[in-house]
Amino acid sequence: MAELVYPPVIGIFKGLWKSLGLRFRFEGQSHIPIKGPALLAMNHVSYLDFAIAGTALLSSKRLARFMAKREIFDHPIAGPLMRGMKHISVDRNNGGPSFVAALKALEKGEIVGVFPEATISQSFELKEMKTGVVRLAMESGAPVLPTIIWGSQRIWTKRQPRNFTRSNFPITVAIGEPMFFGKDHDPELGLLALKESMAKLLKNVQESYPDSHIGERWAPASLGGTAPTLEMVELEKRRRKDP
């Protein structure tokens, strides 16, 4: 079936990247299969991560079907675009239908993009992850590509003002070697291995990032930045839930 919505949306984002003067560095693009199914397991640091990860796939002439929260699909403008690009709606209270939809996409030979952390990490460190991406790999036989995005949090992230000025930010997308999980694999052990792979990629990306992290709000405390730690974010969540 012809892609009627995806190409113009790609064009819009290409224009946005150009207007912002972003400097992209893509690593590990050779790991993207030329054809057939795959799962992109991505960290989540900004609202633009899906579009930036999709940009990294363009040289392979592949499109990804991203799994995203249902609220985006309910939006009067974003919703029709998301459905037109055949992305997958996720109801956090009932994940069964989205799991089935992702499996169907993989059976068709699609690349499915997943954020195992589910929500943006305000600490910019890897948070607790969900096993869904591993279970999808076990059920479908598709490889999982550990993927790290870094620098996008400087443009638009949670609880921080957007910066859509021409800032020439460096943005890195690193794609690791494919990981395979058989049907008899333990999902929790698989998730642990995946997180370890993503953590190594993240460390390498951060170490080679051209701009200093010291004193920056977009950088984690472990690198000298001023973002809240994972523990601080969790404490704040608990505080907001208290009566």
Protein backbone atom coordinates (compact mmCIF):
# COMPACT_ATOMS: atom_id res chain seq x y z
CA MET A 1 0.00 0.00 0.00
CA ALA A 2 1.34 3.43 -0.93
CA GLU A 3 2.66 5.68 1.82
CA LEU A 4 0.62 8.86 1.42
CA VAL A 5 1.23 10.52 4.80
CA TYR A 6 4.74 9.47 5.81
CA PRO A 7 6.73 11.18 2.97
CA PRO A 8 5.32 14.70 3.52
CA VAL A 9 5.80 14.37 7.29
CA ILE A 10 9.41 13.36 6.70
CA GLY A 11 9.79 16.44 4.53
CA ILE A 12 8.44 18.65 7.32
CA PHE A 13 10.92 17.26 9.83
CA LYS A 14 13.80 17.57 7.40
CA GLY A 15 12.88 21.24 7.07
CA LEU A 16 12.75 21.58 10.85
CA TRP A 17 16.18 19.98 11.28
CA LYS A 18 17.61 22.32 8.66
CA SER A 19 16.07 25.39 10.28
CA LEU A 20 17.53 24.39 13.65
CA GLY A 21 20.94 23.76 12.09
CA LEU A 22 21.20 20.38 13.82
CA ARG A 23 24.41 18.40 13.39
CA PHE A 24 23.52 14.71 13.16
CA ARG A 25 25.88 11.85 13.77
CA PHE A 26 24.53 8.40 13.02
CA GLU A 27 26.40 5.32 14.21
CA GLY A 28 25.70 1.66 13.50
CA GLN A 29 23.38 2.19 10.54
CA SER A 30 24.82 -0.99 9.01
CA HIS A 31 22.90 -2.93 11.67
CA ILE A 32 19.57 -1.86 10.17
CA PRO A 33 18.29 -4.76 8.04
CA ILE A 34 17.69 -3.91 4.38
CA LYS A 35 14.43 -5.83 4.58
CA GLY A 36 12.48 -7.86 7.07
CA PRO A 37 11.29 -7.15 10.60
CA ALA A 38 13.25 -5.53 13.41
CA LEU A 39 12.57 -3.81 16.71
CA LEU A 40 14.22 -0.51 17.60
CA ALA A 41 14.57 -0.40 21.39
CA MET A 42 15.26 3.26 22.15
CA ASN A 43 16.04 5.36 25.18
CA HIS A 44 13.70 8.31 25.65
CA VAL A 45 15.01 11.80 26.43
CA SER A 46 12.81 14.12 24.37
CA TYR A 47 9.51 14.57 22.56
CA LEU A 48 11.35 14.45 19.22
CA ASP A 49 13.02 11.06 19.68
CA PHE A 50 10.68 9.18 17.34
CA ALA A 51 11.34 11.63 14.50
CA ILE A 52 15.08 11.65 15.10
CA ALA A 53 15.25 7.84 15.20
CA GLY A 54 13.20 7.77 12.00
CA THR A 55 15.70 10.14 10.39
CA ALA A 56 18.49 7.69 11.18
CA LEU A 57 16.65 5.01 9.18
CA LEU A 58 16.28 7.06 5.99
CA SER A 59 19.64 6.04 4.51
CA SER A 60 18.41 2.43 4.66
CA LYS A 61 15.15 3.44 2.98
CA ARG A 62 13.22 1.96 5.87
CA LEU A 63 10.27 3.41 7.75
CA ALA A 64 9.45 2.62 11.35
CA ARG A 65 6.06 2.11 12.95
CA PHE A 66 6.44 3.64 16.38
CA MET A 67 4.51 2.56 19.44
CA ALA A 68 3.17 5.69 21.15
CA LYS A 69 0.73 6.49 23.90
CA ARG A 70 -2.95 6.62 22.98
CA GLU A 71 -3.26 10.28 24.00
CA ILE A 72 -1.23 11.31 20.94
CA PHE A 73 -3.69 9.48 18.68
CA ASP A 74 -6.55 11.31 20.39
CA HIS A 75 -5.11 14.69 19.39
CA PRO A 76 -7.13 16.31 16.54
CA ILE A 77 -4.02 17.07 14.46
CA ALA A 78 -1.41 14.54 15.55
CA GLY A 79 -3.90 11.65 15.67
CA PRO A 80 -4.75 11.48 11.95
CA LEU A 81 -1.05 11.86 11.08
CA MET A 82 -0.05 9.05 13.43
CA ARG A 83 -2.70 6.75 12.00
CA GLY A 84 -1.76 7.75 8.46
CA MET A 85 1.84 6.74 9.14
CA LYS A 86 0.58 3.43 10.59
CA HIS A 87 2.07 4.02 14.00
CA ILE A 88 0.75 1.90 16.86
CA SER A 89 -1.46 3.27 19.63
CA VAL A 90 -0.64 2.07 23.16
CA ASP A 91 -3.19 2.09 25.95
CA ARG A 92 -1.11 1.92 29.13
CA ASN A 93 -4.03 0.35 30.99
CA ASN A 94 -4.57 -2.36 28.37
CA GLY A 95 -1.47 -3.26 26.38
CA GLY A 96 -2.87 -6.38 24.70
CA PRO A 97 -4.21 -4.76 21.49
CA SER A 98 -1.01 -2.79 20.90
CA PHE A 99 1.08 -5.94 21.38
CA VAL A 100 -1.01 -7.74 18.75
CA ALA A 101 -0.79 -4.74 16.38
CA ALA A 102 3.00 -4.66 16.76
CA LEU A 103 3.22 -8.39 16.06
CA LYS A 104 1.17 -7.96 12.90
CA ALA A 105 3.49 -5.17 11.74
CA LEU A 106 6.52 -7.39 12.37
CA GLU A 107 4.88 -10.26 10.48
CA LYS A 108 4.60 -7.88 7.51
CA GLY A 109 8.35 -7.26 7.67
CA GLU A 110 8.09 -3.82 9.30
CA ILE A 111 10.47 -2.09 11.69
CA VAL A 112 8.70 -1.33 14.97
CA GLY A 113 10.04 1.38 17.27
CA VAL A 114 9.63 0.87 21.02
CA PHE A 115 10.53 2.99 24.04
CA PRO A 116 10.99 0.35 26.78
CA GLU A 117 11.13 3.11 29.43
CA ALA A 118 7.59 4.11 28.31
CA THR A 119 8.04 7.77 29.27
CA ILE A 120 10.76 10.41 28.97
CA SER A 121 13.56 10.08 31.48
CA GLN A 122 13.85 13.42 33.28
CA SER A 123 17.24 12.36 34.67
CA PHE A 124 18.46 11.49 31.14
CA GLU A 125 19.68 8.18 32.56
CA LEU A 126 18.12 4.85 31.65
CA LYS A 127 15.03 4.23 33.77
CA GLU A 128 13.28 1.02 34.69
CA MET A 129 12.17 -0.74 31.49
CA LYS A 130 9.26 -2.94 30.50
CA THR A 131 9.65 -6.40 28.97
CA GLY A 132 7.28 -5.81 26.04
CA VAL A 133 10.02 -5.35 23.44
CA VAL A 134 11.70 -8.61 24.48
CA ARG A 135 8.40 -10.47 24.42
CA LEU A 136 7.71 -9.11 20.93
CA ALA A 137 11.12 -10.39 19.83
CA MET A 138 10.48 -13.79 21.40
CA GLU A 139 7.10 -14.12 19.70
CA SER A 140 8.12 -12.81 16.26
CA GLY A 141 11.76 -13.86 15.95
CA ALA A 142 12.65 -10.29 14.94
CA PRO A 143 16.01 -8.91 16.08
CA VAL A 144 16.14 -6.13 18.66
CA LEU A 145 18.39 -3.18 17.79
CA PRO A 146 19.53 -1.34 20.95
CA THR A 147 19.33 2.35 20.04
CA ILE A 148 20.55 5.44 21.85
CA ILE A 149 19.50 9.02 21.09
CA TRP A 150 21.47 11.85 22.67
CA GLY A 151 21.22 15.64 22.40
CA SER A 152 17.53 15.85 21.48
CA GLN A 153 16.72 16.78 25.09
CA ARG A 154 18.34 20.15 24.41
CA ILE A 155 15.50 21.01 22.03
CA TRP A 156 12.30 19.79 23.68
CA THR A 157 11.99 17.62 26.75
CA LYS A 158 9.76 17.15 29.74
CA ARG A 159 9.38 20.01 32.25
CA GLN A 160 11.78 22.24 30.32
CA PRO A 161 11.10 25.14 27.89
CA ARG A 162 11.36 24.32 24.19
CA ASN A 163 14.28 25.72 22.24
CA PHE A 164 13.41 25.96 18.55
CA THR A 165 15.99 28.64 17.82
CA ARG A 166 18.81 27.93 15.40
CA SER A 167 21.22 26.46 17.92
CA ASN A 168 23.34 23.97 15.92
CA PHE A 169 22.99 21.29 18.58
CA PRO A 170 24.84 18.02 17.91
CA ILE A 171 22.46 15.04 17.90
CA THR A 172 23.72 11.45 18.02
CA VAL A 173 21.82 8.27 17.18
CA ALA A 174 23.75 5.05 17.84
CA ILE A 175 22.37 1.67 16.80
CA GLY A 176 23.91 -1.41 18.38
CA GLU A 177 24.35 -4.95 17.15
CA PRO A 178 21.13 -6.95 16.82
CA MET A 179 20.04 -9.10 19.73
CA PHE A 180 17.91 -12.23 19.32
CA PHE A 181 15.59 -13.77 21.89
CA GLY A 182 14.14 -17.24 21.34
CA LYS A 183 10.68 -18.35 22.38
CA ASP A 184 12.07 -20.07 25.50
CA HIS A 185 14.03 -17.02 26.64
CA ASP A 186 13.33 -15.49 30.05
CA PRO A 187 11.87 -12.02 29.34
CA GLU A 188 13.39 -10.52 32.50
CA LEU A 189 16.86 -11.84 31.71
CA GLY A 190 16.46 -10.67 28.13
CA LEU A 191 15.50 -7.21 29.32
CA LEU A 192 18.53 -7.11 31.61
CA ALA A 193 20.83 -7.97 28.68
CA LEU A 194 19.13 -5.35 26.51
CA LYS A 195 19.47 -2.66 29.17
CA GLU A 196 23.16 -3.50 29.63
CA SER A 197 23.72 -3.15 25.90
CA MET A 198 21.87 0.17 25.82
CA ALA A 199 23.83 1.41 28.86
CA LYS A 200 27.15 0.67 27.14
CA LEU A 201 25.99 2.46 23.99
CA LEU A 202 24.81 5.44 26.03
CA LYS A 203 28.16 5.67 27.84
CA ASN A 204 30.06 5.60 24.54
CA VAL A 205 27.80 8.24 23.01
CA GLN A 206 28.12 10.52 26.02
CA GLU A 207 31.90 10.17 26.13
CA SER A 208 32.25 11.11 22.47
CA TYR A 209 29.64 13.89 22.52
CA PRO A 210 31.34 17.10 21.30
CA ASP A 211 29.76 19.51 23.83
CA SER A 212 30.54 19.57 27.55
CA HIS A 213 27.92 18.26 29.96
CA ILE A 214 29.29 20.18 32.95
CA GLY A 215 26.72 22.41 34.61
CA GLU A 216 24.09 21.82 31.92
CA ARG A 217 20.42 21.26 32.77
CA TRP A 218 20.11 18.81 29.87
CA ALA A 219 22.91 16.62 31.24
CA PRO A 220 22.67 13.95 33.96
CA ALA A 221 24.17 14.52 37.39
CA SER A 222 26.58 11.62 36.80
CA LEU A 223 28.27 13.69 34.07
CA GLY A 224 28.33 16.92 36.06
CA GLY A 225 25.00 18.20 34.77
CA THR A 226 22.19 19.61 36.86
CA ALA A 227 19.33 17.32 35.81
CA PRO A 228 17.63 15.56 38.73
CA THR A 229 18.81 12.06 39.54
CA LEU A 230 16.57 9.03 39.10
CA GLU A 231 16.01 9.01 42.85
CA MET A 232 15.06 12.69 42.92
CA VAL A 233 12.54 12.19 40.11
CA GLU A 234 10.98 9.25 41.93
CA LEU A 235 10.74 11.19 45.18
CA GLU A 236 9.04 14.07 43.37
CA LYS A 237 6.54 11.68 41.82
CA ARG A 238 5.68 10.27 45.23
CA ARG A 239 5.36 13.76 46.68
CA ARG A 240 2.88 14.80 43.99
CA LYS A 241 0.76 11.73 44.74
CA ASP A 242 0.59 12.50 48.45
CA PRO A 243 -2.69 14.15 49.57
